[in-house]
Structures are given as structure tokens and as C-alpha cells.
C-alpha atoms as a PDB file:
ATOM      1  CA  MET A   1     104.800  97.531 104.165  1.00  0.00           C
ATOM      2  CA  THR A   2     101.452  95.981 103.361  1.00  0.00           C
ATOM      3  CA  SER A   3     100.199  94.535 100.101  1.00  0.00           C
ATOM      4  CA  LEU A   4      97.052  96.117  98.698  1.00  0.00           C
ATOM      5  CA  VAL A   5      95.250  92.800  99.017  1.00  0.00           C
ATOM      6  CA  ASP A   6      95.913  92.791 102.792  1.00  0.00           C
ATOM      7  CA  ALA A   7      95.287  96.492 103.527  1.00  0.00           C
ATOM      8  CA  GLN A   8      92.064  97.416 105.294  1.00  0.00           C
ATOM      9  CA  PRO A   9      89.566  99.695 103.524  1.00  0.00           C
ATOM     10  CA  GLY A  10      90.236 103.330 104.364  1.00  0.00           C
ATOM     11  CA  VAL A  11      93.997 102.881 104.711  1.00  0.00           C
ATOM     12  CA  CYS A  12      96.028 105.488 102.842  1.00  0.00           C
ATOM     13  CA  GLY A  13      99.651 105.098 101.887  1.00  0.00           C
ATOM     14  CA  SER A  14     102.307 105.566  99.260  1.00  0.00           C
ATOM     15  CA  VAL A  15     103.136 102.835  96.785  1.00  0.00           C
ATOM     16  CA  ALA A  16     106.505 101.599  98.050  1.00  0.00           C
ATOM     17  CA  LYS A  17     107.116  98.630  95.789  1.00  0.00           C
ATOM     18  CA  ALA A  18     105.478  96.639  93.018  1.00  0.00           C
ATOM     19  CA  ASP A  19     106.721  93.185  92.061  1.00  0.00           C
ATOM     20  CA  LEU A  20     105.133  93.143  88.604  1.00  0.00           C
ATOM     21  CA  ASP A  21     106.190  92.141  85.143  1.00  0.00           C
ATOM     22  CA  ALA A  22     107.016  94.991  82.755  1.00  0.00           C
ATOM     23  CA  LYS A  23     103.688  94.817  80.899  1.00  0.00           C
ATOM     24  CA  ASP A  24     101.544  95.037  84.059  1.00  0.00           C
ATOM     25  CA  ALA A  25     103.751  97.778  85.532  1.00  0.00           C
ATOM     26  CA  ALA A  26     103.459  99.860  82.341  1.00  0.00           C
ATOM     27  CA  LEU A  27      99.676  99.472  82.238  1.00  0.00           C
ATOM     28  CA  LEU A  28      99.298 100.542  85.881  1.00  0.00           C
ATOM     29  CA  ARG A  29     101.643 103.523  85.364  1.00  0.00           C
ATOM     30  CA  ALA A  30      99.452 104.632  82.453  1.00  0.00           C
ATOM     31  CA  MET A  31      96.470 104.574  84.830  1.00  0.00           C
ATOM     32  CA  GLY A  32      98.355 106.622  87.447  1.00  0.00           C
ATOM     33  CA  LEU A  33      99.451 103.852  89.815  1.00  0.00           C
ATOM     34  CA  SER A  34     103.224 104.081  90.156  1.00  0.00           C
ATOM     35  CA  PRO A  35     105.866 104.251  92.896  1.00  0.00           C
ATOM     36  CA  ASN A  36     105.442 107.079  95.421  1.00  0.00           C
ATOM     37  CA  VAL A  37     101.816 107.715  94.425  1.00  0.00           C
ATOM     38  CA  ARG A  38      99.475 108.001  97.394  1.00  0.00           C
ATOM     39  CA  VAL A  39      96.474 105.715  97.300  1.00  0.00           C
ATOM     40  CA  ARG A  40      93.494 104.945  99.509  1.00  0.00           C
ATOM     41  CA  VAL A  41      92.160 101.409  99.711  1.00  0.00           C
ATOM     42  CA  CYS A  42      88.430 101.580  99.005  1.00  0.00           C
ATOM     43  CA  ARG A  43      87.554  97.898  98.866  1.00  0.00           C
ATOM     44  CA  ARG A  44      89.194  94.532  99.410  1.00  0.00           C
ATOM     45  CA  GLY A  45      88.247  91.457  97.454  1.00  0.00           C
ATOM     46  CA  THR A  46      87.394  91.024  93.809  1.00  0.00           C
ATOM     47  CA  PRO A  47      88.122  93.564  92.588  1.00  0.00           C
ATOM     48  CA  CYS A  48      90.435  95.332  95.019  1.00  0.00           C
ATOM     49  CA  ILE A  49      89.573  99.015  94.487  1.00  0.00           C
ATOM     50  CA  VAL A  50      92.083 101.789  95.159  1.00  0.00           C
ATOM     51  CA  GLU A  51      91.699 105.532  94.732  1.00  0.00           C
ATOM     52  CA  ILE A  52      94.614 107.577  93.402  1.00  0.00           C
ATOM     53  CA  VAL A  53      95.000 110.327  96.010  1.00  0.00           C
ATOM     54  CA  GLY A  54      98.095 112.021  94.567  1.00  0.00           C
ATOM     55  CA  ARG A  55     101.827 112.382  94.557  1.00  0.00           C
ATOM     56  CA  GLU A  56     103.761 114.301  97.214  1.00  0.00           C
ATOM     57  CA  GLY A  57     103.040 117.988  96.767  1.00  0.00           C
ATOM     58  CA  ARG A  58     100.263 117.412  94.204  1.00  0.00           C
ATOM     59  CA  GLU A  59      96.679 116.293  94.402  1.00  0.00           C
ATOM     60  CA  GLY A  60      95.624 113.229  92.491  1.00  0.00           C
ATOM     61  CA  CYS A  61      92.924 112.767  89.940  1.00  0.00           C
ATOM     62  CA  GLY A  62      90.598 111.071  92.400  1.00  0.00           C
ATOM     63  CA  CYS A  63      90.093 108.183  90.003  1.00  0.00           C
ATOM     64  CA  ARG A  64      89.577 104.639  91.183  1.00  0.00           C
ATOM     65  CA  ILE A  65      91.191 101.522  89.789  1.00  0.00           C
ATOM     66  CA  GLY A  66      89.892  97.978  90.196  1.00  0.00           C
ATOM     67  CA  LEU A  67      92.629  95.358  90.519  1.00  0.00           C
ATOM     68  CA  SER A  68      92.433  91.599  90.611  1.00  0.00           C
ATOM     69  CA  PRO A  69      93.548  90.122  93.941  1.00  0.00           C
ATOM     70  CA  GLU A  70      96.385  88.371  92.086  1.00  0.00           C
ATOM     71  CA  LEU A  71      97.720  91.746  90.917  1.00  0.00           C
ATOM     72  CA  ALA A  72      97.017  93.620  94.184  1.00  0.00           C
ATOM     73  CA  ARG A  73      99.009  90.980  96.089  1.00  0.00           C
ATOM     74  CA  HIS A  74     102.197  92.256  94.374  1.00  0.00           C
ATOM     75  CA  ILE A  75     101.726  95.976  95.099  1.00  0.00           C
ATOM     76  CA  PHE A  76     102.928  97.207  98.495  1.00  0.00           C
ATOM     77  CA  ILE A  77     102.188 100.457 100.332  1.00  0.00           C
ATOM     78  CA  ASP A  78     103.691 102.184 103.311  1.00  0.00           C
ATOM     79  CA  SER A  79     100.637 102.937 105.472  1.00  0.00           C
ATOM     80  CA  VAL A  80     100.285 106.584 106.382  1.00  0.00           C
ATOM     81  CA  ASN A  81      96.555 107.092 107.048  1.00  0.00           C
ATOM     82  CA  ASP A  82      96.319 110.870 107.220  1.00  0.00           C
END
């Protein structure tokens, strides 16, 4: 598992775990970032930008979300890169 803040641009993976408070977790879920969602890391830094690729068996919306490094540090993905 790798945190979003440490993942290299271009890496794709599924959100495996998020150590967030309830308010932050709810906000990210509303934007499409939740457990088992596939994401692609577009940019590291400030902000950390991830693209929502989809959920298993379904394509995603293709939207991008900018996260602060402090928030991205607490979201972990299982790297898949396919």
C-alpha cells in the first residue's frame, strides 16, 4: 500500500484505506473518492491531483480531485498500474 502523497504520477490503483475523520471521509465520498474506487495519480505536490478512473466493473466519471498533501497522506492505494 502506498499513500497518495507518495505515489508517483501515472500510478493507478484502488483506494484500500483512508485514515480520515468522518467529515473529510464524507466529503471525499460525495466527490467519488471512496474505498475500492480506482484512481490514477496525476500530480504530486500541492495540490495532489487524482483522477477517478472507476469502480470494479464500471467506468468512472473521469473527474479530477485536488487534495492537500496533508489529506493525501492519509489515503492509501493498492498499486495496480494497468
